[in-house]
Amino acid sequence: MNVKKMLSSVALVAGVLTLGSPLFAHHGDAAYDLSKPVELKNAVVTGYDWMNPHSLIKVDFKNDKGVMQHWVVEIGSVPSMTLLGWSRTTMKPGDVIDLFIWATKNGTTVGRINKLVLADGTVLKDRDSSTPTRYGGDDGGGGGR
C-alpha cells in the first residue's frame, strides 16, 4: 500500500470516527432541575410509549390554579425498567397516577421520572433501592397516595 492510500485511509477513518461520535453519546440530566422534585398528583395517563432508548409517559395534570397541563415524562430503557418491575402493561390511557419528576429547567412541561405511584399504591422508581440516587439527598419524597 502506498503512502498516499494509507494517509487517505487514516483520514477517512478519523473523519468517520469524528462525525459518528455523537451517535454514541448519551445525554445526561443537565436539562433537569434536580434541586426540587415536582409532584403531579392525580395525573391522568394519555399515553405510554414503551420503547428504547427511553420510554415515555404522557399525562394531563391540573396545576394548583386549575390549568390543564400536558406533560411528557421520560423513563429509562425497556431493559432497565423491566428489571425494576415496569412493563408495557404498567399503565394505560385513563389511569390516574401520582408522578414525582425532575422538571426541565426551561419551564416546559417535560420531566424525568423519579418515581410513580399507581392507583393501587404500587410504587415504581427509576432505580432499585440499592442504587444511590443520582440526584443527591431525598429521592423525591412523597411516599404513597
N, C-alpha and C. Protein backbone atom coordinates (compact mmCIF):
# COMPACT_ATOMS: atom_id res chain seq x y z
N MET A 1 0.86 -1.19 0.00
CA MET A 1 0.00 0.00 0.00
C MET A 1 0.90 1.23 0.00
N ASN A 2 0.64 2.16 -0.89
CA ASN A 2 1.50 3.33 -0.94
C ASN A 2 1.08 4.33 0.14
N VAL A 3 1.94 5.28 0.39
CA VAL A 3 1.74 6.26 1.45
C VAL A 3 0.48 7.09 1.23
N LYS A 4 0.20 7.45 0.00
CA LYS A 4 -0.98 8.27 -0.30
C LYS A 4 -2.27 7.54 0.05
N LYS A 5 -2.36 6.25 -0.31
CA LYS A 5 -3.54 5.46 0.03
C LYS A 5 -3.67 5.29 1.54
N MET A 6 -2.53 5.07 2.20
CA MET A 6 -2.56 4.89 3.66
C MET A 6 -3.05 6.16 4.34
N LEU A 7 -2.55 7.31 3.93
CA LEU A 7 -2.97 8.58 4.53
C LEU A 7 -4.45 8.85 4.26
N SER A 8 -4.89 8.50 3.07
CA SER A 8 -6.31 8.66 2.73
C SER A 8 -7.18 7.78 3.62
N SER A 9 -6.74 6.56 3.84
CA SER A 9 -7.49 5.63 4.69
C SER A 9 -7.53 6.13 6.13
N VAL A 10 -6.42 6.60 6.64
CA VAL A 10 -6.36 7.13 8.01
C VAL A 10 -7.27 8.35 8.13
N ALA A 11 -7.24 9.22 7.14
CA ALA A 11 -8.10 10.42 7.16
C ALA A 11 -9.57 10.03 7.12
N LEU A 12 -9.90 9.04 6.32
CA LEU A 12 -11.28 8.58 6.22
C LEU A 12 -11.77 8.00 7.56
N VAL A 13 -10.96 7.15 8.16
CA VAL A 13 -11.33 6.56 9.46
C VAL A 13 -11.46 7.65 10.52
N ALA A 14 -10.53 8.57 10.56
CA ALA A 14 -10.59 9.67 11.54
C ALA A 14 -11.84 10.51 11.33
N GLY A 15 -12.18 10.78 10.08
CA GLY A 15 -13.39 11.56 9.79
C GLY A 15 -14.65 10.84 10.22
N VAL A 16 -14.75 9.57 9.93
CA VAL A 16 -15.92 8.78 10.32
C VAL A 16 -16.06 8.74 11.83
N LEU A 17 -14.94 8.52 12.52
CA LEU A 17 -14.98 8.48 13.99
C LEU A 17 -15.38 9.83 14.58
N THR A 18 -14.87 10.89 14.00
CA THR A 18 -15.20 12.23 14.50
C THR A 18 -16.66 12.57 14.27
N LEU A 19 -17.14 12.33 13.08
CA LEU A 19 -18.52 12.67 12.75
C LEU A 19 -19.52 11.70 13.38
N GLY A 20 -19.10 10.47 13.60
CA GLY A 20 -20.00 9.47 14.16
C GLY A 20 -20.07 9.47 15.67
N SER A 21 -19.14 10.14 16.33
CA SER A 21 -19.11 10.09 17.80
C SER A 21 -20.39 10.58 18.46
N PRO A 22 -21.10 11.59 17.93
CA PRO A 22 -22.36 11.98 18.57
C PRO A 22 -23.40 10.86 18.58
N LEU A 23 -23.29 9.93 17.65
CA LEU A 23 -24.23 8.82 17.62
C LEU A 23 -24.07 7.92 18.84
N PHE A 24 -22.88 7.90 19.42
CA PHE A 24 -22.61 7.06 20.58
C PHE A 24 -22.73 7.82 21.88
N ALA A 25 -22.92 9.11 21.81
CA ALA A 25 -23.03 9.93 23.01
C ALA A 25 -24.38 9.70 23.66
N HIS A 26 -24.47 10.00 24.93
CA HIS A 26 -25.74 9.89 25.64
C HIS A 26 -25.92 11.15 26.46
N HIS A 27 -27.14 11.60 26.53
CA HIS A 27 -27.39 12.83 27.27
C HIS A 27 -27.38 12.56 28.76
N GLY A 28 -27.18 13.60 29.54
CA GLY A 28 -27.21 13.49 30.99
C GLY A 28 -28.46 14.15 31.52
N ASP A 29 -28.38 14.58 32.75
CA ASP A 29 -29.53 15.21 33.40
C ASP A 29 -29.39 16.73 33.48
N ALA A 30 -28.51 17.30 32.67
CA ALA A 30 -28.26 18.74 32.74
C ALA A 30 -29.49 19.58 32.45
N ALA A 31 -30.42 19.06 31.68
CA ALA A 31 -31.62 19.82 31.32
C ALA A 31 -32.64 19.90 32.44
N TYR A 32 -32.47 19.06 33.47
CA TYR A 32 -33.47 18.97 34.53
C TYR A 32 -33.03 19.71 35.79
N ASP A 33 -34.01 20.29 36.50
CA ASP A 33 -33.76 20.96 37.77
C ASP A 33 -33.79 19.91 38.86
N LEU A 34 -32.62 19.48 39.29
CA LEU A 34 -32.51 18.41 40.27
C LEU A 34 -32.59 18.91 41.70
N SER A 35 -32.81 20.21 41.89
CA SER A 35 -32.87 20.76 43.24
C SER A 35 -34.23 20.55 43.90
N LYS A 36 -35.26 20.29 43.11
CA LYS A 36 -36.58 20.09 43.69
C LYS A 36 -37.45 19.20 42.81
N PRO A 37 -37.93 18.11 43.40
CA PRO A 37 -38.84 17.27 42.63
C PRO A 37 -40.19 17.95 42.47
N VAL A 38 -40.85 17.66 41.38
CA VAL A 38 -42.18 18.20 41.12
C VAL A 38 -43.18 17.05 41.28
N GLU A 39 -44.27 17.31 42.00
CA GLU A 39 -45.31 16.30 42.18
C GLU A 39 -46.46 16.58 41.22
N LEU A 40 -46.85 15.56 40.50
CA LEU A 40 -48.02 15.63 39.63
C LEU A 40 -49.04 14.65 40.20
N LYS A 41 -49.83 15.11 41.17
CA LYS A 41 -50.82 14.25 41.84
C LYS A 41 -52.06 14.13 40.99
N ASN A 42 -52.60 12.91 40.94
CA ASN A 42 -53.82 12.63 40.20
C ASN A 42 -53.71 12.99 38.71
N ALA A 43 -52.55 12.71 38.15
CA ALA A 43 -52.34 12.92 36.72
C ALA A 43 -53.05 11.80 35.96
N VAL A 44 -53.62 12.14 34.82
CA VAL A 44 -54.33 11.15 34.01
C VAL A 44 -53.45 10.76 32.82
N VAL A 45 -53.18 9.48 32.71
CA VAL A 45 -52.34 8.97 31.62
C VAL A 45 -53.07 9.15 30.30
N THR A 46 -52.38 9.79 29.35
CA THR A 46 -52.94 9.94 27.99
C THR A 46 -52.17 9.09 26.99
N GLY A 47 -50.98 8.64 27.38
CA GLY A 47 -50.18 7.79 26.50
C GLY A 47 -49.03 7.19 27.27
N TYR A 48 -48.62 6.00 26.86
CA TYR A 48 -47.50 5.31 27.48
C TYR A 48 -46.76 4.60 26.36
N ASP A 49 -45.61 5.13 26.00
CA ASP A 49 -44.83 4.60 24.89
C ASP A 49 -43.67 3.77 25.43
N TRP A 50 -43.80 2.47 25.36
CA TRP A 50 -42.81 1.52 25.86
C TRP A 50 -41.81 1.27 24.74
N MET A 51 -40.67 1.97 24.76
CA MET A 51 -39.73 1.92 23.64
C MET A 51 -38.33 2.27 24.11
N ASN A 52 -37.37 1.97 23.26
CA ASN A 52 -35.99 2.35 23.51
C ASN A 52 -35.66 3.55 22.64
N PRO A 53 -34.76 4.43 23.01
CA PRO A 53 -33.87 4.28 24.16
C PRO A 53 -34.52 4.69 25.48
N HIS A 54 -35.62 5.45 25.45
CA HIS A 54 -36.32 5.83 26.67
C HIS A 54 -37.82 5.74 26.44
N SER A 55 -38.50 5.12 27.38
CA SER A 55 -39.95 5.08 27.30
C SER A 55 -40.50 6.42 27.77
N LEU A 56 -41.73 6.71 27.36
CA LEU A 56 -42.36 7.99 27.70
C LEU A 56 -43.73 7.78 28.32
N ILE A 57 -44.02 8.58 29.33
CA ILE A 57 -45.35 8.62 29.93
C ILE A 57 -45.92 10.00 29.60
N LYS A 58 -47.12 10.02 29.03
CA LYS A 58 -47.77 11.30 28.71
C LYS A 58 -48.99 11.41 29.61
N VAL A 59 -49.11 12.55 30.28
CA VAL A 59 -50.22 12.75 31.22
C VAL A 59 -50.81 14.14 31.08
N ASP A 60 -52.08 14.24 31.49
CA ASP A 60 -52.74 15.53 31.69
C ASP A 60 -52.78 15.76 33.19
N PHE A 61 -52.43 16.98 33.59
CA PHE A 61 -52.36 17.32 35.01
C PHE A 61 -52.92 18.72 35.21
N LYS A 62 -53.82 18.84 36.18
CA LYS A 62 -54.35 20.16 36.53
C LYS A 62 -53.48 20.75 37.63
N ASN A 63 -52.86 21.90 37.34
CA ASN A 63 -51.99 22.51 38.34
C ASN A 63 -52.82 23.17 39.45
N ASP A 64 -52.16 23.76 40.42
CA ASP A 64 -52.86 24.34 41.58
C ASP A 64 -53.77 25.52 41.21
N LYS A 65 -53.64 26.04 40.01
CA LYS A 65 -54.51 27.12 39.53
C LYS A 65 -55.65 26.58 38.66
N GLY A 66 -55.72 25.25 38.55
CA GLY A 66 -56.77 24.64 37.76
C GLY A 66 -56.51 24.60 36.26
N VAL A 67 -55.30 24.96 35.87
CA VAL A 67 -54.94 24.97 34.45
C VAL A 67 -54.46 23.57 34.04
N MET A 68 -55.03 23.05 32.96
CA MET A 68 -54.64 21.74 32.45
C MET A 68 -53.29 21.85 31.76
N GLN A 69 -52.38 20.97 32.16
CA GLN A 69 -51.06 20.90 31.55
C GLN A 69 -50.88 19.52 30.94
N HIS A 70 -50.19 19.46 29.83
CA HIS A 70 -49.89 18.21 29.15
C HIS A 70 -48.40 17.92 29.34
N TRP A 71 -48.07 16.92 30.14
CA TRP A 71 -46.70 16.59 30.47
C TRP A 71 -46.21 15.37 29.69
N VAL A 72 -44.94 15.37 29.38
CA VAL A 72 -44.26 14.21 28.83
C VAL A 72 -43.12 13.89 29.79
N VAL A 73 -43.11 12.65 30.28
CA VAL A 73 -42.13 12.25 31.29
C VAL A 73 -41.32 11.08 30.75
N GLU A 74 -40.00 11.25 30.79
CA GLU A 74 -39.08 10.24 30.28
C GLU A 74 -38.74 9.25 31.40
N ILE A 75 -38.75 7.96 31.05
CA ILE A 75 -38.24 6.95 31.97
C ILE A 75 -37.09 6.25 31.28
N GLY A 76 -36.51 5.26 31.91
CA GLY A 76 -35.34 4.58 31.36
C GLY A 76 -35.65 3.68 30.18
N SER A 77 -34.66 2.91 29.81
CA SER A 77 -34.80 1.99 28.68
C SER A 77 -35.67 0.80 29.08
N VAL A 78 -36.21 0.13 28.09
CA VAL A 78 -37.05 -1.04 28.32
C VAL A 78 -36.32 -2.09 29.17
N PRO A 79 -35.08 -2.46 28.84
CA PRO A 79 -34.42 -3.49 29.67
C PRO A 79 -34.21 -3.05 31.13
N SER A 80 -33.78 -1.81 31.33
CA SER A 80 -33.53 -1.38 32.71
C SER A 80 -34.82 -1.24 33.50
N MET A 81 -35.88 -0.74 32.87
CA MET A 81 -37.14 -0.56 33.60
C MET A 81 -37.82 -1.91 33.86
N THR A 82 -37.63 -2.88 32.96
CA THR A 82 -38.18 -4.22 33.17
C THR A 82 -37.58 -4.84 34.43
N LEU A 83 -36.29 -4.65 34.63
CA LEU A 83 -35.63 -5.16 35.84
C LEU A 83 -36.18 -4.53 37.11
N LEU A 84 -36.77 -3.34 36.99
CA LEU A 84 -37.30 -2.63 38.15
C LEU A 84 -38.81 -2.85 38.35
N GLY A 85 -39.40 -3.74 37.54
CA GLY A 85 -40.79 -4.07 37.72
C GLY A 85 -41.77 -3.40 36.77
N TRP A 86 -41.27 -2.57 35.87
CA TRP A 86 -42.13 -1.91 34.89
C TRP A 86 -42.39 -2.88 33.74
N SER A 87 -43.47 -2.67 33.00
CA SER A 87 -43.75 -3.45 31.80
C SER A 87 -44.57 -2.61 30.83
N ARG A 88 -44.79 -3.14 29.65
CA ARG A 88 -45.59 -2.41 28.67
C ARG A 88 -47.04 -2.27 29.11
N THR A 89 -47.46 -3.07 30.13
CA THR A 89 -48.84 -3.01 30.64
C THR A 89 -48.93 -2.34 32.01
N THR A 90 -47.88 -1.66 32.43
CA THR A 90 -47.87 -1.00 33.74
C THR A 90 -49.02 -0.01 33.86
N MET A 91 -49.33 0.69 32.79
CA MET A 91 -50.42 1.67 32.81
C MET A 91 -51.01 1.79 31.42
N LYS A 92 -52.17 2.40 31.37
CA LYS A 92 -52.85 2.62 30.08
C LYS A 92 -53.55 3.97 30.12
N PRO A 93 -53.90 4.51 28.98
CA PRO A 93 -54.61 5.78 28.96
C PRO A 93 -55.87 5.71 29.84
N GLY A 94 -56.06 6.77 30.61
CA GLY A 94 -57.18 6.85 31.54
C GLY A 94 -56.81 6.54 32.97
N ASP A 95 -55.68 5.83 33.20
CA ASP A 95 -55.25 5.55 34.56
C ASP A 95 -54.88 6.84 35.27
N VAL A 96 -55.18 6.90 36.56
CA VAL A 96 -54.82 8.06 37.39
C VAL A 96 -53.62 7.66 38.23
N ILE A 97 -52.55 8.45 38.14
CA ILE A 97 -51.29 8.13 38.81
C ILE A 97 -50.75 9.38 39.50
N ASP A 98 -49.83 9.16 40.41
CA ASP A 98 -49.05 10.25 41.01
C ASP A 98 -47.63 10.13 40.50
N LEU A 99 -47.08 11.21 39.98
CA LEU A 99 -45.72 11.23 39.46
C LEU A 99 -44.85 12.16 40.30
N PHE A 100 -43.64 11.75 40.53
CA PHE A 100 -42.63 12.58 41.16
C PHE A 100 -41.51 12.68 40.14
N ILE A 101 -41.30 13.87 39.63
CA ILE A 101 -40.39 14.05 38.50
C ILE A 101 -39.41 15.18 38.75
N TRP A 102 -38.42 15.24 37.90
CA TRP A 102 -37.49 16.35 37.84
C TRP A 102 -37.85 17.09 36.55
N ALA A 103 -38.40 18.28 36.69
CA ALA A 103 -38.84 19.06 35.53
C ALA A 103 -37.64 19.73 34.85
N THR A 104 -37.84 20.09 33.59
CA THR A 104 -36.79 20.79 32.86
C THR A 104 -36.57 22.18 33.47
N LYS A 105 -35.37 22.67 33.31
CA LYS A 105 -35.01 24.00 33.81
C LYS A 105 -35.68 25.11 33.03
N ASN A 106 -36.04 24.84 31.78
CA ASN A 106 -36.57 25.91 30.93
C ASN A 106 -38.08 26.11 31.09
N GLY A 107 -38.72 25.35 31.96
CA GLY A 107 -40.13 25.57 32.25
C GLY A 107 -41.11 24.82 31.36
N THR A 108 -40.60 24.03 30.41
CA THR A 108 -41.52 23.25 29.59
C THR A 108 -42.11 22.11 30.44
N THR A 109 -43.22 21.58 30.01
CA THR A 109 -43.87 20.51 30.76
C THR A 109 -43.31 19.15 30.33
N VAL A 110 -42.01 19.02 30.56
CA VAL A 110 -41.26 17.80 30.27
C VAL A 110 -40.46 17.48 31.51
N GLY A 111 -40.35 16.19 31.83
CA GLY A 111 -39.60 15.82 33.02
C GLY A 111 -38.96 14.45 32.90
N ARG A 112 -38.18 14.14 33.91
CA ARG A 112 -37.50 12.83 34.05
C ARG A 112 -38.08 12.17 35.29
N ILE A 113 -38.48 10.91 35.17
CA ILE A 113 -39.12 10.21 36.27
C ILE A 113 -38.19 10.07 37.47
N ASN A 114 -38.74 10.24 38.63
CA ASN A 114 -38.08 9.86 39.87
C ASN A 114 -38.81 8.66 40.43
N LYS A 115 -40.14 8.82 40.59
CA LYS A 115 -40.96 7.67 40.95
C LYS A 115 -42.39 7.91 40.55
N LEU A 116 -43.15 6.83 40.55
CA LEU A 116 -44.54 6.84 40.13
C LEU A 116 -45.33 6.01 41.13
N VAL A 117 -46.53 6.46 41.46
CA VAL A 117 -47.41 5.69 42.33
C VAL A 117 -48.68 5.39 41.55
N LEU A 118 -48.94 4.10 41.36
CA LEU A 118 -50.14 3.68 40.64
C LEU A 118 -51.36 3.79 41.55
N ALA A 119 -52.55 3.70 40.98
CA ALA A 119 -53.80 3.83 41.74
C ALA A 119 -53.91 2.79 42.86
N ASP A 120 -53.31 1.61 42.67
CA ASP A 120 -53.38 0.57 43.70
C ASP A 120 -52.31 0.73 44.78
N GLY A 121 -51.51 1.82 44.69
CA GLY A 121 -50.48 2.09 45.68
C GLY A 121 -49.10 1.55 45.33
N THR A 122 -49.00 0.80 44.25
CA THR A 122 -47.70 0.29 43.81
C THR A 122 -46.77 1.44 43.48
N VAL A 123 -45.55 1.40 44.03
CA VAL A 123 -44.55 2.45 43.78
C VAL A 123 -43.49 1.88 42.84
N LEU A 124 -43.25 2.59 41.76
CA LEU A 124 -42.20 2.22 40.81
C LEU A 124 -41.22 3.37 40.72
N LYS A 125 -39.93 3.02 40.72
CA LYS A 125 -38.88 4.05 40.67
C LYS A 125 -38.01 3.85 39.45
N ASP A 126 -37.10 4.80 39.27
CA ASP A 126 -36.17 4.71 38.14
C ASP A 126 -34.88 3.99 38.51
N ARG A 127 -34.82 3.43 39.71
CA ARG A 127 -33.62 2.73 40.17
C ARG A 127 -34.04 1.81 41.31
N ASP A 128 -33.21 0.81 41.62
CA ASP A 128 -33.55 -0.05 42.75
C ASP A 128 -33.04 0.57 44.04
N SER A 129 -33.48 0.05 45.16
CA SER A 129 -33.16 0.65 46.45
C SER A 129 -31.69 0.54 46.81
N SER A 130 -30.95 -0.36 46.17
CA SER A 130 -29.52 -0.49 46.48
C SER A 130 -28.67 0.49 45.69
N THR A 131 -29.26 1.16 44.70
CA THR A 131 -28.53 2.12 43.88
C THR A 131 -28.74 3.52 44.45
N PRO A 132 -27.67 4.20 44.83
CA PRO A 132 -27.84 5.55 45.37
C PRO A 132 -28.48 6.47 44.34
N THR A 133 -29.29 7.40 44.83
CA THR A 133 -29.91 8.35 43.92
C THR A 133 -28.84 9.21 43.27
N ARG A 134 -29.01 9.48 42.00
CA ARG A 134 -28.05 10.35 41.31
C ARG A 134 -28.38 11.81 41.54
N TYR A 135 -29.47 12.07 42.27
CA TYR A 135 -29.91 13.44 42.47
C TYR A 135 -29.53 13.99 43.83
N GLY A 136 -28.90 13.18 44.67
CA GLY A 136 -28.49 13.64 45.99
C GLY A 136 -29.65 13.76 46.96
N GLY A 137 -29.39 13.50 48.22
CA GLY A 137 -30.40 13.69 49.26
C GLY A 137 -31.63 12.82 49.06
N ASP A 138 -32.79 13.42 49.33
CA ASP A 138 -34.07 12.75 49.25
C ASP A 138 -34.35 12.28 47.83
N ASP A 139 -35.03 11.16 47.70
CA ASP A 139 -35.32 10.63 46.36
C ASP A 139 -36.56 11.25 45.75
N GLY A 140 -37.05 12.29 46.31
CA GLY A 140 -38.23 12.92 45.76
C GLY A 140 -39.43 12.80 46.67
N GLY A 141 -39.21 12.12 47.78
CA GLY A 141 -40.23 12.05 48.82
C GLY A 141 -41.57 11.55 48.36
N GLY A 142 -42.53 11.83 49.14
CA GLY A 142 -43.90 11.61 48.73
C GLY A 142 -44.55 10.34 49.20
N GLY A 143 -43.81 9.26 49.34
CA GLY A 143 -44.44 8.01 49.74
C GLY A 143 -45.56 7.64 48.82
N GLY A 144 -46.61 7.02 49.36
CA GLY A 144 -47.75 6.59 48.56
C GLY A 144 -48.78 7.68 48.44
N ARG A 145 -50.01 7.27 48.14
CA ARG A 145 -51.10 8.23 47.95
C ARG A 145 -51.52 8.84 49.24
